[in-house]
């Protein structure tokens, strides 16, 4: 009986250990809370470019979905976290990537309509970015897009149009990284 109990405990310990999702050394939380709103992990993946593993991205939602366009358009609470895993990610490269991302995510007319908000968002990357930094980009319909770095609020940008353009960078038709998009959509 004692051997059966020990075997069961060992199996339970193995299950618990494998239940934790780790990507490129980053422990991805199963859920997060943003201003009292509980969000569940939809999926996560690694942003790669050439031979660099740049960051781990995770998508958190109230209702899981594997449809990126539906999530981009949705006026519901959701968040994307970015955990920087390589020194190659600098503030200048982040700013440039965000500008390129909006160019891929929006038509030129859509981008012009939210250019002021894009400039504000890019301004959030004024301080150095280093390996280990954790960014949280959360959308709450009543407030807008809340951005934080390492738990410190950087600012809030109102408007669903901005949220659509921003989340489209990772989940839209021309995403920053197809594999990361697939991971975030749990495909």
Protein backbone atom coordinates (compact mmCIF):
# COMPACT_ATOMS: atom_id res chain seq x y z
CA UNK A 1 0.00 0.00 0.00
CA UNK A 2 2.86 2.34 0.87
CA UNK A 3 4.46 1.73 -2.56
CA UNK A 4 1.16 2.53 -4.31
CA UNK A 5 0.83 5.78 -2.35
CA UNK A 6 4.43 6.78 -3.16
CA UNK A 7 3.89 5.95 -6.84
CA UNK A 8 0.70 8.04 -6.88
CA UNK A 9 2.49 10.97 -5.24
CA UNK A 10 5.36 10.67 -7.71
CA UNK A 11 2.90 10.65 -10.61
CA UNK A 12 1.07 13.69 -9.20
CA UNK A 13 4.40 15.50 -8.78
CA UNK A 14 5.27 14.74 -12.39
CA UNK A 15 1.88 15.98 -13.60
CA UNK A 16 2.21 19.23 -11.63
CA UNK A 17 5.72 19.84 -12.94
CA UNK A 18 4.72 19.30 -16.57
CA UNK A 19 1.56 21.41 -16.19
CA UNK A 20 3.70 24.56 -15.84
CA UNK A 21 4.42 26.06 -19.25
CA UNK A 22 7.97 27.26 -19.74
CA UNK A 23 9.16 28.79 -23.00
CA UNK A 24 12.81 29.73 -23.50
CA UNK A 25 13.32 29.89 -19.72
CA UNK A 26 10.23 32.06 -19.10
CA UNK A 27 7.48 30.67 -16.88
CA UNK A 28 4.20 31.57 -18.53
CA UNK A 29 1.42 32.19 -16.01
CA UNK A 30 -1.87 30.33 -16.50
CA UNK A 31 -3.79 33.48 -15.63
CA UNK A 32 -3.22 37.11 -14.77
CA UNK A 33 -5.36 39.79 -13.16
CA UNK A 34 -5.51 43.30 -14.61
CA UNK A 35 -7.26 45.84 -12.39
CA UNK A 36 -9.48 43.13 -10.92
CA UNK A 37 -10.22 41.47 -14.29
CA UNK A 38 -9.17 37.80 -14.37
CA UNK A 39 -7.71 36.73 -17.72
CA UNK A 40 -6.83 33.17 -18.74
CA UNK A 41 -3.92 32.11 -20.90
CA UNK A 42 -5.03 31.61 -24.50
CA UNK A 43 -1.57 30.63 -25.70
CA UNK A 44 2.08 31.63 -25.84
CA UNK A 45 5.09 31.40 -28.10
CA UNK A 46 8.56 32.66 -28.91
CA UNK A 47 9.35 35.63 -31.17
CA UNK A 48 12.37 34.71 -33.23
CA UNK A 49 14.30 36.65 -35.82
CA UNK A 50 17.22 35.08 -37.65
CA UNK A 51 19.12 33.26 -34.88
CA UNK A 52 17.85 35.44 -32.01
CA UNK A 53 15.15 34.34 -29.54
CA UNK A 54 13.87 37.87 -28.87
CA UNK A 55 10.95 37.49 -26.46
CA UNK A 56 8.22 35.21 -25.17
CA UNK A 57 4.75 36.51 -25.94
CA UNK A 58 1.59 35.32 -24.21
CA UNK A 59 -2.04 36.17 -24.85
CA UNK A 60 -4.59 36.30 -22.04
CA UNK A 61 -8.36 36.53 -22.62
CA UNK A 62 -11.73 36.14 -20.94
CA UNK A 63 -12.96 33.80 -23.71
CA UNK A 64 -10.44 31.59 -25.48
CA UNK A 65 -10.25 31.70 -29.25
CA UNK A 66 -8.00 30.47 -32.04
CA UNK A 67 -9.18 33.19 -34.44
CA UNK A 68 -6.76 36.10 -34.49
CA UNK A 69 -9.03 38.44 -36.44
CA UNK A 70 -11.90 37.87 -34.00
CA UNK A 71 -9.62 38.68 -31.07
CA UNK A 72 -8.18 41.78 -32.78
CA UNK A 73 -11.69 43.13 -33.40
CA UNK A 74 -13.13 42.14 -30.00
CA UNK A 75 -14.09 44.85 -27.54
CA UNK A 76 -13.36 42.61 -24.55
CA UNK A 77 -10.68 42.46 -21.87
CA UNK A 78 -7.42 40.86 -22.99
CA UNK A 79 -3.69 41.23 -22.51
CA UNK A 80 -0.42 40.42 -24.19
CA UNK A 81 2.73 39.96 -22.14
CA UNK A 82 6.22 40.22 -23.59
CA UNK A 83 9.19 38.80 -21.69
CA UNK A 84 12.47 39.92 -23.23
CA UNK A 85 14.89 36.99 -23.59
CA UNK A 86 17.74 38.48 -25.64
CA UNK A 87 19.98 41.54 -25.38
CA UNK A 88 19.32 42.16 -29.08
CA UNK A 89 16.01 43.79 -28.07
CA UNK A 90 16.83 47.44 -27.41
CA UNK A 91 14.58 50.45 -27.00
CA UNK A 92 15.45 51.67 -30.51
CA UNK A 93 14.72 48.27 -32.06
CA UNK A 94 11.48 48.02 -30.09
CA UNK A 95 10.37 51.45 -31.34
CA UNK A 96 11.25 50.54 -34.93
CA UNK A 97 9.47 47.16 -34.65
CA UNK A 98 6.34 48.82 -33.28
CA UNK A 99 6.29 51.33 -36.15
CA UNK A 100 6.74 48.51 -38.68
CA UNK A 101 4.12 46.43 -36.89
CA UNK A 102 1.49 49.13 -37.13
CA UNK A 103 2.35 49.51 -40.81
CA UNK A 104 1.63 45.80 -41.30
CA UNK A 105 -1.40 45.76 -39.00
CA UNK A 106 -3.26 48.81 -40.34
CA UNK A 107 -4.10 50.34 -43.68
CA UNK A 108 -2.46 53.74 -44.17
CA UNK A 109 -5.83 55.41 -43.51
CA UNK A 110 -6.31 53.47 -40.25
CA UNK A 111 -2.76 54.26 -39.17
CA UNK A 112 -3.20 57.99 -39.83
CA UNK A 113 -6.36 57.97 -37.69
CA UNK A 114 -4.43 56.62 -34.66
CA UNK A 115 -0.97 58.11 -35.32
CA UNK A 116 -1.12 60.28 -32.21
CA UNK A 117 -1.86 57.19 -30.08
CA UNK A 118 0.92 55.25 -31.83
CA UNK A 119 3.37 58.06 -31.01
CA UNK A 120 2.27 57.96 -27.37
CA UNK A 121 2.75 54.18 -27.27
CA UNK A 122 6.22 54.41 -28.83
CA UNK A 123 7.06 57.06 -26.20
CA UNK A 124 6.55 54.39 -23.52
CA UNK A 125 9.84 52.83 -24.69
CA UNK A 126 11.99 55.80 -23.63
CA UNK A 127 14.02 53.82 -21.07
CA UNK A 128 16.54 51.08 -21.79
CA UNK A 129 15.15 47.62 -22.47
CA UNK A 130 17.19 44.73 -21.11
CA UNK A 131 16.97 40.96 -21.06
CA UNK A 132 14.48 39.95 -18.36
CA UNK A 133 12.15 42.95 -18.78
CA UNK A 134 8.44 42.09 -18.62
CA UNK A 135 5.90 44.19 -20.52
CA UNK A 136 2.15 43.89 -20.06
CA UNK A 137 -0.17 45.38 -22.66
CA UNK A 138 -3.75 45.03 -21.43
CA UNK A 139 -6.98 46.21 -22.98
CA UNK A 140 -9.99 46.93 -20.78
CA UNK A 141 -12.98 48.34 -22.72
CA UNK A 142 -13.88 50.93 -20.07
CA UNK A 143 -10.30 52.22 -19.77
CA UNK A 144 -8.34 51.49 -22.94
CA UNK A 145 -4.91 49.97 -23.41
CA UNK A 146 -2.85 49.91 -20.21
CA UNK A 147 0.89 49.43 -20.62
CA UNK A 148 3.34 48.48 -17.88
CA UNK A 149 6.98 47.47 -17.64
CA UNK A 150 8.17 45.27 -14.79
CA UNK A 151 4.98 46.05 -12.86
CA UNK A 152 5.26 49.84 -13.24
CA UNK A 153 2.50 51.58 -15.18
CA UNK A 154 3.77 53.46 -18.22
CA UNK A 155 0.43 54.86 -19.37
CA UNK A 156 -3.00 54.27 -20.84
CA UNK A 157 -4.24 54.88 -24.37
CA UNK A 158 -7.99 55.04 -24.94
CA UNK A 159 -9.86 53.74 -27.95
CA UNK A 160 -10.80 50.47 -29.57
CA UNK A 161 -9.24 51.54 -32.89
CA UNK A 162 -5.81 51.77 -31.26
CA UNK A 163 -6.28 48.39 -29.54
CA UNK A 164 -7.19 46.78 -32.86
CA UNK A 165 -4.06 48.13 -34.55
CA UNK A 166 -1.82 47.19 -31.63
CA UNK A 167 -3.10 43.65 -31.11
CA UNK A 168 -3.05 43.19 -34.89
CA UNK A 169 0.75 43.41 -34.73
CA UNK A 170 0.80 39.92 -33.18
CA UNK A 171 -2.60 38.46 -34.15
CA UNK A 172 -3.50 40.06 -37.50
CA UNK A 173 -3.16 38.86 -41.08
CA UNK A 174 0.47 40.01 -41.36
CA UNK A 175 1.83 39.33 -37.85
CA UNK A 176 5.30 40.07 -36.52
CA UNK A 177 5.95 36.31 -36.35
CA UNK A 178 3.70 33.53 -37.70
CA UNK A 179 4.94 30.97 -35.16
CA UNK A 180 4.38 33.37 -32.27
CA UNK A 181 0.86 34.08 -33.55
CA UNK A 182 0.17 30.33 -33.76
CA UNK A 183 1.43 29.91 -30.19
CA UNK A 184 -0.70 32.77 -28.86
CA UNK A 185 -3.74 31.29 -30.63
CA UNK A 186 -2.87 27.86 -29.22
CA UNK A 187 -2.68 26.27 -32.67
